[in-house]
């Protein structure tokens, strides 16, 4: 449903489907993870705020071959 809506929006606004895919769909699929990370950082559940900030700023999905997280310093 999300993909179909994004395609309809792209056609209606005369924007390429790739542009919609790289923006709206990417943001929409990242929102739950972003919200969870922000709440965890606010609560400092692990005592390591930097891990959550790294998680927000650099998601492993940007590197499709990545299978593990890396510590941000």
C-alpha atoms as a PDB file:
ATOM      1  CA  UNK A   1       0.000   0.000   0.000  1.00  0.00           C
ATOM      2  CA  UNK A   2       2.829   2.400   0.815  1.00  0.00           C
ATOM      3  CA  UNK A   3       4.562   1.722  -2.477  1.00  0.00           C
ATOM      4  CA  UNK A   4       1.365   2.144  -4.489  1.00  0.00           C
ATOM      5  CA  UNK A   5       0.621   5.444  -2.736  1.00  0.00           C
ATOM      6  CA  UNK A   6       4.153   6.664  -3.396  1.00  0.00           C
ATOM      7  CA  UNK A   7       3.849   5.794  -7.091  1.00  0.00           C
ATOM      8  CA  UNK A   8       0.500   7.601  -7.327  1.00  0.00           C
ATOM      9  CA  UNK A   9       2.023  10.652  -5.642  1.00  0.00           C
ATOM     10  CA  UNK A  10       4.967  10.623  -8.042  1.00  0.00           C
ATOM     11  CA  UNK A  11       2.672  10.424 -11.065  1.00  0.00           C
ATOM     12  CA  UNK A  12       0.373  13.134  -9.710  1.00  0.00           C
ATOM     13  CA  UNK A  13       3.221  15.549  -8.979  1.00  0.00           C
ATOM     14  CA  UNK A  14       5.160  14.626 -12.134  1.00  0.00           C
ATOM     15  CA  UNK A  15       8.185  13.546 -10.089  1.00  0.00           C
ATOM     16  CA  UNK A  16      10.267  10.489 -10.866  1.00  0.00           C
ATOM     17  CA  UNK A  17       9.412   7.360  -8.923  1.00  0.00           C
ATOM     18  CA  UNK A  18      13.060   7.067  -7.907  1.00  0.00           C
ATOM     19  CA  UNK A  19      12.958  10.461  -6.198  1.00  0.00           C
ATOM     20  CA  UNK A  20       9.864   9.462  -4.255  1.00  0.00           C
ATOM     21  CA  UNK A  21      11.432   6.131  -3.376  1.00  0.00           C
ATOM     22  CA  UNK A  22      14.566   7.768  -2.042  1.00  0.00           C
ATOM     23  CA  UNK A  23      12.701  10.264   0.120  1.00  0.00           C
ATOM     24  CA  UNK A  24       9.162   9.479   1.230  1.00  0.00           C
ATOM     25  CA  UNK A  25       9.435   5.703   1.389  1.00  0.00           C
ATOM     26  CA  UNK A  26      12.850   5.846   3.066  1.00  0.00           C
ATOM     27  CA  UNK A  27      11.651   8.300   5.702  1.00  0.00           C
ATOM     28  CA  UNK A  28       8.423   6.394   6.330  1.00  0.00           C
ATOM     29  CA  UNK A  29      10.162   3.088   6.869  1.00  0.00           C
ATOM     30  CA  UNK A  30      12.713   4.697   9.210  1.00  0.00           C
ATOM     31  CA  UNK A  31      10.232   6.429  11.520  1.00  0.00           C
ATOM     32  CA  UNK A  32       9.540   3.527  13.936  1.00  0.00           C
ATOM     33  CA  UNK A  33      13.243   2.855  14.410  1.00  0.00           C
ATOM     34  CA  UNK A  34      13.976   6.557  14.811  1.00  0.00           C
ATOM     35  CA  UNK A  35      11.261   6.962  17.447  1.00  0.00           C
ATOM     36  CA  UNK A  36      12.549   3.969  19.404  1.00  0.00           C
ATOM     37  CA  UNK A  37      16.119   5.250  19.283  1.00  0.00           C
ATOM     38  CA  UNK A  38      15.096   8.738  20.407  1.00  0.00           C
ATOM     39  CA  UNK A  39      13.130   7.360  23.355  1.00  0.00           C
ATOM     40  CA  UNK A  40      16.002   5.110  24.376  1.00  0.00           C
ATOM     41  CA  UNK A  41      18.488   7.977  24.140  1.00  0.00           C
ATOM     42  CA  UNK A  42      16.218  10.192  26.191  1.00  0.00           C
ATOM     43  CA  UNK A  43      15.899   7.529  28.888  1.00  0.00           C
ATOM     44  CA  UNK A  44      19.589   6.551  28.672  1.00  0.00           C
ATOM     45  CA  UNK A  45      18.581   2.941  29.165  1.00  0.00           C
ATOM     46  CA  UNK A  46      22.049   1.559  28.575  1.00  0.00           C
ATOM     47  CA  UNK A  47      23.953   4.553  29.901  1.00  0.00           C
ATOM     48  CA  UNK A  48      25.572   5.016  26.485  1.00  0.00           C
ATOM     49  CA  UNK A  49      23.864   7.838  24.672  1.00  0.00           C
ATOM     50  CA  UNK A  50      26.453   7.784  21.864  1.00  0.00           C
ATOM     51  CA  UNK A  51      25.260   4.375  20.652  1.00  0.00           C
ATOM     52  CA  UNK A  52      21.752   5.668  20.090  1.00  0.00           C
ATOM     53  CA  UNK A  53      22.938   8.863  18.415  1.00  0.00           C
ATOM     54  CA  UNK A  54      25.057   6.771  16.061  1.00  0.00           C
ATOM     55  CA  UNK A  55      22.077   4.591  15.361  1.00  0.00           C
ATOM     56  CA  UNK A  56      19.975   7.591  14.365  1.00  0.00           C
ATOM     57  CA  UNK A  57      22.649   9.219  12.221  1.00  0.00           C
ATOM     58  CA  UNK A  58      23.875   6.116  10.431  1.00  0.00           C
ATOM     59  CA  UNK A  59      21.536   3.238   9.801  1.00  0.00           C
ATOM     60  CA  UNK A  60      22.910  -0.111   8.631  1.00  0.00           C
ATOM     61  CA  UNK A  61      20.316  -0.103   5.838  1.00  0.00           C
ATOM     62  CA  UNK A  62      22.484   2.439   4.022  1.00  0.00           C
ATOM     63  CA  UNK A  63      25.006  -0.384   3.678  1.00  0.00           C
ATOM     64  CA  UNK A  64      23.014  -3.367   2.437  1.00  0.00           C
ATOM     65  CA  UNK A  65      25.918  -5.745   3.024  1.00  0.00           C
ATOM     66  CA  UNK A  66      26.271  -4.740   6.668  1.00  0.00           C
ATOM     67  CA  UNK A  67      25.094  -7.411   9.091  1.00  0.00           C
ATOM     68  CA  UNK A  68      26.307  -5.964  12.377  1.00  0.00           C
ATOM     69  CA  UNK A  69      26.324  -2.609  14.087  1.00  0.00           C
ATOM     70  CA  UNK A  70      29.482  -0.612  14.557  1.00  0.00           C
ATOM     71  CA  UNK A  71      30.298   1.645  17.455  1.00  0.00           C
ATOM     72  CA  UNK A  72      30.335   5.340  16.637  1.00  0.00           C
ATOM     73  CA  UNK A  73      33.029   7.404  18.280  1.00  0.00           C
END
